[in-house]
Full PDB file with SEQRES, HELIX, SHEET, SSBOND, CRYST1, ORIGX, SCALE, CONECT and MASTER records, all heavy atoms in Angstrom:
SEQRES   1 A   44  GLY TYR LEU GLN ASP ILE GLN THR GLN CYS LEU ALA ILE          
SEQRES   2 A   44  GLY ASP GLY VAL ASP TYR GLU LYS TYR PRO GLY ASN PRO          
SEQRES   3 A   44  VAL LEU THR VAL ASP ASP LEU PRO GLN GLY GLY SER ALA          
SEQRES   4 A   44  ILE ASP PHE ARG ASP                                          
HELIX    1 AA1 VAL A   30  ASP A   32  5                                   3    
SHEET    1 AA1 2 ALA A  12  GLY A  14  0                                        
SHEET    2 AA1 2 TYR A  19  LYS A  21 -1                                        
CRYST1    1.000    1.000    1.000  90.00  90.00  90.00 P 1           1          
ORIGX1      1.000000  0.000000  0.000000        0.00000                         
ORIGX2      0.000000  1.000000  0.000000        0.00000                         
ORIGX3      0.000000  0.000000  1.000000        0.00000                         
SCALE1      1.000000  0.000000  0.000000        0.00000                         
SCALE2      0.000000  1.000000  0.000000        0.00000                         
SCALE3      0.000000  0.000000  1.000000        0.00000                         
ATOM      1  N   GLY A   1       0.757  -1.163  -0.043  1.00  0.00           N  
ATOM      2  CA  GLY A   1      -0.015  -0.033  -0.026  1.00  0.00           C  
ATOM      3  C   GLY A   1       0.809   1.203   0.135  1.00  0.00           C  
ATOM      4  O   GLY A   1       0.272   2.485   0.153  1.00  0.00           O  
ATOM      5  N   TYR A   2       2.199   1.189  -0.118  1.00  0.00           N  
ATOM      6  CA  TYR A   2       2.988   2.390  -0.034  1.00  0.00           C  
ATOM      7  C   TYR A   2       3.056   3.031  -1.449  1.00  0.00           C  
ATOM      8  O   TYR A   2       3.164   2.294  -2.554  1.00  0.00           O  
ATOM      9  CB  TYR A   2       4.433   2.063   0.360  1.00  0.00           C  
ATOM     10  CG  TYR A   2       4.561   1.797   1.732  1.00  0.00           C  
ATOM     11  CD1 TYR A   2       4.743   0.410   2.262  1.00  0.00           C  
ATOM     12  CD2 TYR A   2       4.557   2.732   2.776  1.00  0.00           C  
ATOM     13  CE1 TYR A   2       4.825   0.183   3.635  1.00  0.00           C  
ATOM     14  CE2 TYR A   2       4.635   2.488   4.177  1.00  0.00           C  
ATOM     15  CZ  TYR A   2       4.765   1.129   4.602  1.00  0.00           C  
ATOM     16  OH  TYR A   2       4.895   0.932   5.913  1.00  0.00           O  
ATOM     17  N   LEU A   3       2.999   4.283  -1.644  1.00  0.00           N  
ATOM     18  CA  LEU A   3       2.974   5.055  -2.805  1.00  0.00           C  
ATOM     19  C   LEU A   3       4.547   4.959  -3.249  1.00  0.00           C  
ATOM     20  O   LEU A   3       5.318   5.465  -2.439  1.00  0.00           O  
ATOM     21  CB  LEU A   3       2.396   6.382  -2.703  1.00  0.00           C  
ATOM     22  CG  LEU A   3       2.334   7.208  -3.964  1.00  0.00           C  
ATOM     23  CD1 LEU A   3       1.163   6.583  -4.843  1.00  0.00           C  
ATOM     24  CD2 LEU A   3       1.899   8.655  -3.658  1.00  0.00           C  
ATOM     25  N   GLN A   4       4.699   4.718  -4.542  1.00  0.00           N  
ATOM     26  CA  GLN A   4       6.135   4.568  -4.868  1.00  0.00           C  
ATOM     27  C   GLN A   4       6.199   4.973  -6.422  1.00  0.00           C  
ATOM     28  O   GLN A   4       5.240   4.913  -7.204  1.00  0.00           O  
ATOM     29  CB  GLN A   4       6.843   3.192  -4.752  1.00  0.00           C  
ATOM     30  CG  GLN A   4       6.094   2.142  -5.566  1.00  0.00           C  
ATOM     31  CD  GLN A   4       6.646   0.777  -5.216  1.00  0.00           C  
ATOM     32  OE1 GLN A   4       7.235   0.484  -4.115  1.00  0.00           O  
ATOM     33  NE2 GLN A   4       6.431  -0.238  -6.069  1.00  0.00           N  
ATOM     34  N   ASP A   5       7.398   5.337  -6.888  1.00  0.00           N  
ATOM     35  CA  ASP A   5       7.621   5.706  -8.240  1.00  0.00           C  
ATOM     36  C   ASP A   5       7.905   4.485  -8.989  1.00  0.00           C  
ATOM     37  O   ASP A   5       8.704   3.550  -8.540  1.00  0.00           O  
ATOM     38  CB  ASP A   5       8.869   6.618  -8.407  1.00  0.00           C  
ATOM     39  CG  ASP A   5       8.594   8.072  -7.794  1.00  0.00           C  
ATOM     40  OD1 ASP A   5       7.488   8.315  -7.440  1.00  0.00           O  
ATOM     41  OD2 ASP A   5       9.645   8.785  -7.655  1.00  0.00           O  
ATOM     42  N   ILE A   6       7.390   4.422 -10.245  1.00  0.00           N  
ATOM     43  CA  ILE A   6       7.721   3.363 -11.172  1.00  0.00           C  
ATOM     44  C   ILE A   6       8.477   4.031 -12.428  1.00  0.00           C  
ATOM     45  O   ILE A   6       7.911   4.861 -13.022  1.00  0.00           O  
ATOM     46  CB  ILE A   6       6.478   2.580 -11.656  1.00  0.00           C  
ATOM     47  CG1 ILE A   6       5.767   2.038 -10.518  1.00  0.00           C  
ATOM     48  CG2 ILE A   6       6.904   1.468 -12.661  1.00  0.00           C  
ATOM     49  CD1 ILE A   6       6.414   1.093  -9.706  1.00  0.00           C  
ATOM     50  N   GLN A   7       9.717   3.611 -12.540  1.00  0.00           N  
ATOM     51  CA  GLN A   7      10.577   4.354 -13.511  1.00  0.00           C  
ATOM     52  C   GLN A   7      10.826   3.356 -14.763  1.00  0.00           C  
ATOM     53  O   GLN A   7      11.253   2.229 -14.480  1.00  0.00           O  
ATOM     54  CB  GLN A   7      11.815   4.814 -12.835  1.00  0.00           C  
ATOM     55  CG  GLN A   7      11.568   5.680 -11.704  1.00  0.00           C  
ATOM     56  CD  GLN A   7      12.824   6.143 -10.947  1.00  0.00           C  
ATOM     57  OE1 GLN A   7      13.877   5.763 -11.313  1.00  0.00           O  
ATOM     58  NE2 GLN A   7      12.613   7.164 -10.096  1.00  0.00           N  
ATOM     59  N   THR A   8      10.603   3.926 -15.962  1.00  0.00           N  
ATOM     60  CA  THR A   8      10.903   3.237 -17.162  1.00  0.00           C  
ATOM     61  C   THR A   8      11.603   4.094 -18.049  1.00  0.00           C  
ATOM     62  O   THR A   8      11.705   5.298 -17.884  1.00  0.00           O  
ATOM     63  CB  THR A   8       9.536   2.728 -17.892  1.00  0.00           C  
ATOM     64  OG1 THR A   8       8.756   3.806 -17.998  1.00  0.00           O  
ATOM     65  CG2 THR A   8       8.888   1.735 -16.962  1.00  0.00           C  
ATOM     66  N   GLN A   9      12.162   3.555 -19.249  1.00  0.00           N  
ATOM     67  CA  GLN A   9      12.993   4.379 -20.210  1.00  0.00           C  
ATOM     68  C   GLN A   9      12.105   4.596 -21.403  1.00  0.00           C  
ATOM     69  O   GLN A   9      11.595   3.547 -21.964  1.00  0.00           O  
ATOM     70  CB  GLN A   9      14.283   3.688 -20.424  1.00  0.00           C  
ATOM     71  CG  GLN A   9      15.089   3.123 -19.250  1.00  0.00           C  
ATOM     72  CD  GLN A   9      15.049   4.260 -18.075  1.00  0.00           C  
ATOM     73  OE1 GLN A   9      15.354   5.419 -18.302  1.00  0.00           O  
ATOM     74  NE2 GLN A   9      14.855   3.763 -16.814  1.00  0.00           N  
ATOM     75  N   CYS A  10      12.077   5.726 -21.874  1.00  0.00           N  
ATOM     76  CA  CYS A  10      11.153   6.143 -22.985  1.00  0.00           C  
ATOM     77  C   CYS A  10      12.012   6.912 -24.006  1.00  0.00           C  
ATOM     78  O   CYS A  10      13.127   7.501 -23.726  1.00  0.00           O  
ATOM     79  CB  CYS A  10      10.133   7.042 -22.378  1.00  0.00           C  
ATOM     80  SG  CYS A  10       9.179   6.214 -21.025  1.00  0.00           S  
ATOM     81  N   LEU A  11      11.445   7.111 -25.174  1.00  0.00           N  
ATOM     82  CA  LEU A  11      12.037   7.737 -26.279  1.00  0.00           C  
ATOM     83  C   LEU A  11      11.095   8.979 -26.842  1.00  0.00           C  
ATOM     84  O   LEU A  11       9.851   8.775 -26.723  1.00  0.00           O  
ATOM     85  CB  LEU A  11      12.282   6.834 -27.389  1.00  0.00           C  
ATOM     86  CG  LEU A  11      13.060   5.529 -27.144  1.00  0.00           C  
ATOM     87  CD1 LEU A  11      13.209   4.671 -28.384  1.00  0.00           C  
ATOM     88  CD2 LEU A  11      14.474   5.893 -26.650  1.00  0.00           C  
ATOM     89  N   ALA A  12      11.741   9.905 -27.449  1.00  0.00           N  
ATOM     90  CA  ALA A  12      10.961  11.009 -28.176  1.00  0.00           C  
ATOM     91  C   ALA A  12      11.922  11.262 -29.343  1.00  0.00           C  
ATOM     92  O   ALA A  12      13.193  11.373 -29.173  1.00  0.00           O  
ATOM     93  CB  ALA A  12      10.691  12.207 -27.343  1.00  0.00           C  
ATOM     94  N   ILE A  13      11.390  11.552 -30.541  1.00  0.00           N  
ATOM     95  CA  ILE A  13      12.147  11.772 -31.749  1.00  0.00           C  
ATOM     96  C   ILE A  13      11.721  13.104 -32.411  1.00  0.00           C  
ATOM     97  O   ILE A  13      10.538  13.343 -32.481  1.00  0.00           O  
ATOM     98  CB  ILE A  13      12.038  10.632 -32.718  1.00  0.00           C  
ATOM     99  CG1 ILE A  13      12.432   9.286 -32.056  1.00  0.00           C  
ATOM    100  CG2 ILE A  13      12.927  10.828 -34.046  1.00  0.00           C  
ATOM    101  CD1 ILE A  13      12.171   7.983 -32.902  1.00  0.00           C  
ATOM    102  N   GLY A  14      12.657  13.921 -32.795  1.00  0.00           N  
ATOM    103  CA  GLY A  14      12.263  15.181 -33.408  1.00  0.00           C  
ATOM    104  C   GLY A  14      13.359  15.772 -34.262  1.00  0.00           C  
ATOM    105  O   GLY A  14      14.368  15.127 -34.597  1.00  0.00           O  
ATOM    106  N   ASP A  15      13.105  17.096 -34.562  1.00  0.00           N  
ATOM    107  CA  ASP A  15      13.918  17.844 -35.545  1.00  0.00           C  
ATOM    108  C   ASP A  15      14.721  18.871 -34.809  1.00  0.00           C  
ATOM    109  O   ASP A  15      15.362  19.789 -35.535  1.00  0.00           O  
ATOM    110  CB  ASP A  15      13.010  18.397 -36.567  1.00  0.00           C  
ATOM    111  CG  ASP A  15      12.020  19.483 -35.911  1.00  0.00           C  
ATOM    112  OD1 ASP A  15      12.062  19.669 -34.650  1.00  0.00           O  
ATOM    113  OD2 ASP A  15      11.252  20.051 -36.738  1.00  0.00           O  
ATOM    114  N   GLY A  16      14.937  18.870 -33.459  1.00  0.00           N  
ATOM    115  CA  GLY A  16      15.741  19.812 -32.753  1.00  0.00           C  
ATOM    116  C   GLY A  16      14.923  20.928 -32.140  1.00  0.00           C  
ATOM    117  O   GLY A  16      15.463  21.740 -31.387  1.00  0.00           O  
ATOM    118  N   VAL A  17      13.640  20.922 -32.527  1.00  0.00           N  
ATOM    119  CA  VAL A  17      12.694  21.815 -31.748  1.00  0.00           C  
ATOM    120  C   VAL A  17      11.525  21.104 -31.215  1.00  0.00           C  
ATOM    121  O   VAL A  17      11.141  21.267 -30.097  1.00  0.00           O  
ATOM    122  CB  VAL A  17      12.266  22.876 -32.738  1.00  0.00           C  
ATOM    123  CG1 VAL A  17      11.261  23.900 -32.012  1.00  0.00           C  
ATOM    124  CG2 VAL A  17      13.554  23.824 -33.178  1.00  0.00           C  
ATOM    125  N   ASP A  18      10.808  20.334 -32.149  1.00  0.00           N  
ATOM    126  CA  ASP A  18       9.686  19.529 -31.873  1.00  0.00           C  
ATOM    127  C   ASP A  18       9.898  18.124 -31.777  1.00  0.00           C  
ATOM    128  O   ASP A  18      10.527  17.585 -32.551  1.00  0.00           O  
ATOM    129  CB  ASP A  18       8.496  19.912 -32.847  1.00  0.00           C  
ATOM    130  CG  ASP A  18       8.065  21.377 -32.862  1.00  0.00           C  
ATOM    131  OD1 ASP A  18       7.847  21.919 -31.681  1.00  0.00           O  
ATOM    132  OD2 ASP A  18       8.155  21.972 -33.885  1.00  0.00           O  
ATOM    133  N   TYR A  19       9.251  17.386 -30.715  1.00  0.00           N  
ATOM    134  CA  TYR A  19       9.537  15.966 -30.539  1.00  0.00           C  
ATOM    135  C   TYR A  19       8.297  15.177 -30.380  1.00  0.00           C  
ATOM    136  O   TYR A  19       7.357  15.661 -29.693  1.00  0.00           O  
ATOM    137  CB  TYR A  19      10.434  15.748 -29.288  1.00  0.00           C  
ATOM    138  CG  TYR A  19      11.817  16.500 -29.469  1.00  0.00           C  
ATOM    139  CD1 TYR A  19      11.961  17.840 -29.106  1.00  0.00           C  
ATOM    140  CD2 TYR A  19      12.926  15.889 -30.052  1.00  0.00           C  
ATOM    141  CE1 TYR A  19      13.109  18.598 -29.267  1.00  0.00           C  
ATOM    142  CE2 TYR A  19      14.120  16.549 -30.197  1.00  0.00           C  
ATOM    143  CZ  TYR A  19      14.200  17.849 -29.866  1.00  0.00           C  
ATOM    144  OH  TYR A  19      15.472  18.561 -30.030  1.00  0.00           O  
ATOM    145  N   GLU A  20       8.105  14.029 -30.920  1.00  0.00           N  
ATOM    146  CA  GLU A  20       7.116  13.153 -30.790  1.00  0.00           C  
ATOM    147  C   GLU A  20       7.498  12.004 -29.837  1.00  0.00           C  
ATOM    148  O   GLU A  20       8.521  11.409 -30.183  1.00  0.00           O  
ATOM    149  CB  GLU A  20       6.635  12.637 -32.151  1.00  0.00           C  
ATOM    150  CG  GLU A  20       5.969  13.730 -32.995  1.00  0.00           C  
ATOM    151  CD  GLU A  20       4.552  13.996 -32.542  1.00  0.00           C  
ATOM    152  OE1 GLU A  20       3.947  13.145 -31.797  1.00  0.00           O  
ATOM    153  OE2 GLU A  20       3.943  15.060 -32.997  1.00  0.00           O  
ATOM    154  N   LYS A  21       6.773  11.657 -28.899  1.00  0.00           N  
ATOM    155  CA  LYS A  21       7.024  10.573 -28.110  1.00  0.00           C  
ATOM    156  C   LYS A  21       6.773   9.177 -28.908  1.00  0.00           C  
ATOM    157  O   LYS A  21       5.741   9.130 -29.535  1.00  0.00           O  
ATOM    158  CB  LYS A  21       6.256  10.563 -26.731  1.00  0.00           C  
ATOM    159  CG  LYS A  21       6.727  11.679 -25.792  1.00  0.00           C  
ATOM    160  CD  LYS A  21       5.996  11.796 -24.538  1.00  0.00           C  
ATOM    161  CE  LYS A  21       6.545  12.957 -23.638  1.00  0.00           C  
ATOM    162  NZ  LYS A  21       5.763  13.185 -22.407  1.00  0.00           N  
ATOM    163  N   TYR A  22       7.632   8.305 -28.730  1.00  0.00           N  
ATOM    164  CA  TYR A  22       7.627   7.012 -29.523  1.00  0.00           C  
ATOM    165  C   TYR A  22       6.308   6.214 -29.150  1.00  0.00           C  
ATOM    166  O   TYR A  22       6.039   5.928 -27.871  1.00  0.00           O  
ATOM    167  CB  TYR A  22       8.871   6.200 -29.179  1.00  0.00           C  
ATOM    168  CG  TYR A  22       8.855   4.879 -29.827  1.00  0.00           C  
ATOM    169  CD1 TYR A  22       8.725   4.652 -31.208  1.00  0.00           C  
ATOM    170  CD2 TYR A  22       9.275   3.764 -29.034  1.00  0.00           C  
ATOM    171  CE1 TYR A  22       8.794   3.416 -31.660  1.00  0.00           C  
ATOM    172  CE2 TYR A  22       9.308   2.444 -29.579  1.00  0.00           C  
ATOM    173  CZ  TYR A  22       9.112   2.298 -30.936  1.00  0.00           C  
ATOM    174  OH  TYR A  22       9.087   0.993 -31.473  1.00  0.00           O  
ATOM    175  N   PRO A  23       5.536   5.809 -30.040  1.00  0.00           N  
ATOM    176  CA  PRO A  23       4.286   5.004 -29.696  1.00  0.00           C  
ATOM    177  C   PRO A  23       4.618   3.807 -28.853  1.00  0.00           C  
ATOM    178  O   PRO A  23       3.646   3.239 -28.179  1.00  0.00           O  
ATOM    179  CB  PRO A  23       3.691   4.800 -31.048  1.00  0.00           C  
ATOM    180  CG  PRO A  23       4.358   5.712 -31.947  1.00  0.00           C  
ATOM    181  CD  PRO A  23       5.678   6.015 -31.562  1.00  0.00           C  
ATOM    182  N   GLY A  24       5.813   3.160 -29.061  1.00  0.00           N  
ATOM    183  CA  GLY A  24       6.074   1.952 -28.357  1.00  0.00           C  
ATOM    184  C   GLY A  24       6.682   2.116 -26.937  1.00  0.00           C  
ATOM    185  O   GLY A  24       7.188   1.157 -26.348  1.00  0.00           O  
ATOM    186  N   ASN A  25       6.581   3.411 -26.499  1.00  0.00           N  
ATOM    187  CA  ASN A  25       7.059   3.600 -25.017  1.00  0.00           C  
ATOM    188  C   ASN A  25       6.310   2.830 -24.077  1.00  0.00           C  
ATOM    189  O   ASN A  25       5.147   2.612 -24.313  1.00  0.00           O  
ATOM    190  CB  ASN A  25       6.957   5.121 -24.740  1.00  0.00           C  
ATOM    191  CG  ASN A  25       8.078   5.978 -25.311  1.00  0.00           C  
ATOM    192  OD1 ASN A  25       9.166   5.419 -25.653  1.00  0.00           O  
ATOM    193  ND2 ASN A  25       7.856   7.203 -25.353  1.00  0.00           N  
ATOM    194  N   PRO A  26       6.838   2.457 -22.943  1.00  0.00           N  
ATOM    195  CA  PRO A  26       8.352   2.547 -22.653  1.00  0.00           C  
ATOM    196  C   PRO A  26       9.156   1.415 -23.375  1.00  0.00           C  
ATOM    197  O   PRO A  26       8.582   0.370 -23.613  1.00  0.00           O  
ATOM    198  CB  PRO A  26       8.454   2.466 -21.104  1.00  0.00           C  
ATOM    199  CG  PRO A  26       7.285   1.616 -20.802  1.00  0.00           C  
ATOM    200  CD  PRO A  26       6.156   1.992 -21.755  1.00  0.00           C  
ATOM    201  N   VAL A  27      10.467   1.671 -23.659  1.00  0.00           N  
ATOM    202  CA  VAL A  27      11.228   0.716 -24.299  1.00  0.00           C  
ATOM    203  C   VAL A  27      12.117  -0.137 -23.337  1.00  0.00           C  
ATOM    204  O   VAL A  27      12.653  -1.174 -23.775  1.00  0.00           O  
ATOM    205  CB  VAL A  27      12.190   1.347 -25.364  1.00  0.00           C  
ATOM    206  CG1 VAL A  27      11.371   2.141 -26.421  1.00  0.00           C  
ATOM    207  CG2 VAL A  27      13.117   2.397 -24.695  1.00  0.00           C  
ATOM    208  N   LEU A  28      12.238   0.350 -22.132  1.00  0.00           N  
ATOM    209  CA  LEU A  28      12.831  -0.601 -21.101  1.00  0.00           C  
ATOM    210  C   LEU A  28      12.002  -0.542 -19.894  1.00  0.00           C  
ATOM    211  O   LEU A  28      11.707   0.663 -19.386  1.00  0.00           O  
ATOM    212  CB  LEU A  28      14.261  -0.012 -20.793  1.00  0.00           C  
ATOM    213  CG  LEU A  28      15.348  -0.292 -21.880  1.00  0.00           C  
ATOM    214  CD1 LEU A  28      16.658   0.405 -21.705  1.00  0.00           C  
ATOM    215  CD2 LEU A  28      15.639  -1.895 -21.854  1.00  0.00           C  
ATOM    216  N   THR A  29      11.694  -1.654 -19.322  1.00  0.00           N  
ATOM    217  CA  THR A  29      10.841  -1.646 -18.033  1.00  0.00           C  
ATOM    218  C   THR A  29      11.483  -2.589 -16.998  1.00  0.00           C  
ATOM    219  O   THR A  29      12.634  -3.112 -17.191  1.00  0.00           O  
ATOM    220  CB  THR A  29       9.465  -2.275 -18.523  1.00  0.00           C  
ATOM    221  OG1 THR A  29       9.521  -3.630 -18.807  1.00  0.00           O  
ATOM    222  CG2 THR A  29       8.775  -1.414 -19.598  1.00  0.00           C  
ATOM    223  N   VAL A  30      10.784  -3.007 -16.011  1.00  0.00           N  
ATOM    224  CA  VAL A  30      11.195  -3.921 -15.035  1.00  0.00           C  
ATOM    225  C   VAL A  30      11.572  -5.209 -15.661  1.00  0.00           C  
ATOM    226  O   VAL A  30      12.559  -5.915 -15.112  1.00  0.00           O  
ATOM    227  CB  VAL A  30      10.242  -4.060 -13.803  1.00  0.00           C  
ATOM    228  CG1 VAL A  30       8.886  -4.581 -14.412  1.00  0.00           C  
ATOM    229  CG2 VAL A  30      10.804  -4.846 -12.707  1.00  0.00           C  
ATOM    230  N   ASP A  31      10.991  -5.585 -16.667  1.00  0.00           N  
ATOM    231  CA  ASP A  31      11.252  -6.855 -17.331  1.00  0.00           C  
ATOM    232  C   ASP A  31      12.645  -6.868 -17.924  1.00  0.00           C  
ATOM    233  O   ASP A  31      13.170  -8.000 -18.301  1.00  0.00           O  
ATOM    234  CB  ASP A  31      10.174  -7.177 -18.388  1.00  0.00           C  
ATOM    235  CG  ASP A  31       8.866  -7.446 -17.749  1.00  0.00           C  
ATOM    236  OD1 ASP A  31       8.768  -7.760 -16.610  1.00  0.00           O  
ATOM    237  OD2 ASP A  31       7.887  -7.107 -18.558  1.00  0.00           O  
ATOM    238  N   ASP A  32      13.259  -5.807 -18.240  1.00  0.00           N  
ATOM    239  CA  ASP A  32      14.576  -5.673 -18.796  1.00  0.00           C  
ATOM    240  C   ASP A  32      15.699  -5.479 -17.782  1.00  0.00           C  
ATOM    241  O   ASP A  32      16.965  -5.301 -18.188  1.00  0.00           O  
ATOM    242  CB  ASP A  32      14.614  -4.539 -19.742  1.00  0.00           C  
ATOM    243  CG  ASP A  32      13.592  -4.688 -20.808  1.00  0.00           C  
ATOM    244  OD1 ASP A  32      13.653  -5.537 -21.727  1.00  0.00           O  
ATOM    245  OD2 ASP A  32      12.567  -3.925 -20.828  1.00  0.00           O  
ATOM    246  N   LEU A  33      15.364  -5.582 -16.531  1.00  0.00           N  
ATOM    247  CA  LEU A  33      16.375  -5.462 -15.431  1.00  0.00           C  
ATOM    248  C   LEU A  33      17.093  -6.808 -15.190  1.00  0.00           C  
ATOM    249  O   LEU A  33      16.461  -7.768 -15.301  1.00  0.00           O  
ATOM    250  CB  LEU A  33      15.809  -4.906 -14.178  1.00  0.00           C  
ATOM    251  CG  LEU A  33      15.410  -3.526 -14.093  1.00  0.00           C  
ATOM    252  CD1 LEU A  33      14.519  -3.174 -12.880  1.00  0.00           C  
ATOM    253  CD2 LEU A  33      16.601  -2.586 -14.013  1.00  0.00           C  
ATOM    254  N   PRO A  34      18.374  -6.719 -14.731  1.00  0.00           N  
ATOM    255  CA  PRO A  34      18.941  -7.923 -14.300  1.00  0.00           C  
ATOM    256  C   PRO A  34      18.441  -8.432 -12.945  1.00  0.00           C  
ATOM    257  O   PRO A  34      17.687  -7.622 -12.274  1.00  0.00           O  
ATOM    258  CB  PRO A  34      20.423  -7.661 -14.095  1.00  0.00           C  
ATOM    259  CG  PRO A  34      20.405  -6.059 -13.807  1.00  0.00           C  
ATOM    260  CD  PRO A  34      19.233  -5.559 -14.721  1.00  0.00           C  
ATOM    261  N   GLN A  35      18.666  -9.645 -12.554  1.00  0.00           N  
ATOM    262  CA  GLN A  35      18.030 -10.147 -11.338  1.00  0.00           C  
ATOM    263  C   GLN A  35      18.507  -9.273 -10.248  1.00  0.00           C  
ATOM    264  O   GLN A  35      19.638  -8.857  -9.981  1.00  0.00           O  
ATOM    265  CB  GLN A  35      18.504 -11.634 -11.119  1.00  0.00           C  
ATOM    266  CG  GLN A  35      17.840 -12.261  -9.855  1.00  0.00           C  
ATOM    267  CD  GLN A  35      18.264 -13.640  -9.661  1.00  0.00           C  
ATOM    268  OE1 GLN A  35      18.977 -14.269 -10.538  1.00  0.00           O  
ATOM    269  NE2 GLN A  35      17.745 -14.253  -8.677  1.00  0.00           N  
ATOM    270  N   GLY A  36      17.419  -8.936  -9.405  1.00  0.00           N  
ATOM    271  CA  GLY A  36      17.746  -8.049  -8.188  1.00  0.00           C  
ATOM    272  C   GLY A  36      17.646  -6.562  -8.443  1.00  0.00           C  
ATOM    273  O   GLY A  36      17.820  -5.830  -7.523  1.00  0.00           O  
ATOM    274  N   GLY A  37      17.553  -6.203  -9.696  1.00  0.00           N  
ATOM    275  CA  GLY A  37      17.486  -4.700 -10.027  1.00  0.00           C  
ATOM    276  C   GLY A  37      16.269  -4.104  -9.528  1.00  0.00           C  
ATOM    277  O   GLY A  37      15.071  -4.762  -9.424  1.00  0.00           O  
ATOM    278  N   SER A  38      16.224  -2.786  -9.312  1.00  0.00           N  
ATOM    279  CA  SER A  38      15.145  -2.033  -8.793  1.00  0.00           C  
ATOM    280  C   SER A  38      14.402  -1.296  -9.939  1.00  0.00           C  
ATOM    281  O   SER A  38      14.931  -0.548 -10.591  1.00  0.00           O  
ATOM    282  CB  SER A  38      15.694  -1.062  -7.806  1.00  0.00           C  
ATOM    283  OG  SER A  38      14.540  -0.156  -7.368  1.00  0.00           O  
ATOM    284  N   ALA A  39      12.984  -1.520  -9.876  1.00  0.00           N  
ATOM    285  CA  ALA A  39      12.238  -0.746 -10.775  1.00  0.00           C  
ATOM    286  C   ALA A  39      11.868   0.651 -10.236  1.00  0.00           C  
ATOM    287  O   ALA A  39      11.348   1.491 -10.901  1.00  0.00           O  
ATOM    288  CB  ALA A  39      10.839  -1.492 -11.069  1.00  0.00           C  
ATOM    289  N   ILE A  40      12.152   0.884  -8.906  1.00  0.00           N  
ATOM    290  CA  ILE A  40      11.821   2.102  -8.308  1.00  0.00           C  
ATOM    291  C   ILE A  40      13.020   3.074  -8.515  1.00  0.00           C  
ATOM    292  O   ILE A  40      12.873   4.255  -8.804  1.00  0.00           O  
ATOM    293  CB  ILE A  40      11.688   1.918  -6.766  1.00  0.00           C  
ATOM    294  CG1 ILE A  40      10.432   1.031  -6.539  1.00  0.00           C  
ATOM    295  CG2 ILE A  40      11.501   3.273  -6.195  1.00  0.00           C  
ATOM    296  CD1 ILE A  40      10.324   0.569  -5.129  1.00  0.00           C  
ATOM    297  N   ASP A  41      14.286   2.588  -8.579  1.00  0.00           N  
ATOM    298  CA  ASP A  41      15.379   3.297  -8.805  1.00  0.00           C  
ATOM    299  C   ASP A  41      16.129   2.789 -10.146  1.00  0.00           C  
ATOM    300  O   ASP A  41      17.080   2.020 -10.105  1.00  0.00           O  
ATOM    301  CB  ASP A  41      16.448   3.209  -7.768  1.00  0.00           C  
ATOM    302  CG  ASP A  41      16.024   3.926  -6.481  1.00  0.00           C  
ATOM    303  OD1 ASP A  41      15.523   5.220  -6.614  1.00  0.00           O  
ATOM    304  OD2 ASP A  41      15.894   3.351  -5.348  1.00  0.00           O  
ATOM    305  N   PHE A  42      15.557   3.235 -11.280  1.00  0.00           N  
ATOM    306  CA  PHE A  42      16.029   2.872 -12.610  1.00  0.00           C  
ATOM    307  C   PHE A  42      15.847   4.033 -13.493  1.00  0.00           C  
ATOM    308  O   PHE A  42      14.854   4.375 -14.109  1.00  0.00           O  
ATOM    309  CB  PHE A  42      15.199   1.685 -13.039  1.00  0.00           C  
ATOM    310  CG  PHE A  42      15.425   1.057 -14.376  1.00  0.00           C  
ATOM    311  CD1 PHE A  42      16.726   1.006 -14.905  1.00  0.00           C  
ATOM    312  CD2 PHE A  42      14.434   0.638 -15.215  1.00  0.00           C  
ATOM    313  CE1 PHE A  42      17.076   0.368 -16.070  1.00  0.00           C  
ATOM    314  CE2 PHE A  42      14.616   0.153 -16.466  1.00  0.00           C  
ATOM    315  CZ  PHE A  42      15.958  -0.043 -16.924  1.00  0.00           C  
ATOM    316  N   ARG A  43      16.914   4.815 -13.603  1.00  0.00           N  
ATOM    317  CA  ARG A  43      16.785   6.104 -14.313  1.00  0.00           C  
ATOM    318  C   ARG A  43      18.044   6.708 -14.870  1.00  0.00           C  
ATOM    319  O   ARG A  43      19.220   6.296 -14.675  1.00  0.00           O  
ATOM    320  CB  ARG A  43      16.216   7.113 -13.272  1.00  0.00           C  
ATOM    321  CG  ARG A  43      17.042   7.255 -12.040  1.00  0.00           C  
ATOM    322  CD  ARG A  43      16.172   8.305 -11.081  1.00  0.00           C  
ATOM    323  NE  ARG A  43      16.835   8.470  -9.858  1.00  0.00           N  
ATOM    324  CZ  ARG A  43      16.626   7.791  -8.667  1.00  0.00           C  
ATOM    325  NH1 ARG A  43      15.852   6.774  -8.773  1.00  0.00           N  
ATOM    326  NH2 ARG A  43      17.281   8.032  -7.626  1.00  0.00           N  
ATOM    327  N   ASP A  44      17.812   7.772 -15.598  1.00  0.00           N  
ATOM    328  CA  ASP A  44      18.929   8.633 -16.108  1.00  0.00           C  
ATOM    329  C   ASP A  44      19.765   8.020 -17.220  1.00  0.00           C  
ATOM    330  O   ASP A  44      20.931   7.903 -17.104  1.00  0.00           O  
ATOM    331  CB  ASP A  44      19.763   9.203 -14.956  1.00  0.00           C  
ATOM    332  CG  ASP A  44      18.992   9.783 -13.769  1.00  0.00           C  
ATOM    333  OD1 ASP A  44      17.908  10.193 -14.043  1.00  0.00           O  
ATOM    334  OD2 ASP A  44      19.604   9.767 -12.664  1.00  0.00           O  
TER     335      ASP A  44                                                      
MASTER        0    0    0    1    2    0    0    6  334    1    0    4          
END                                                                             
């Protein structure tokens, strides 16, 4: 019941000014972590 952040990796593609977020986002999730990796601290 604790509120927590869920962090995933996402993409946006553009021309240097305007960017569209990739329809297939997120491209990396908890399923792509090695064993024992944290979905709460998975960033940058």
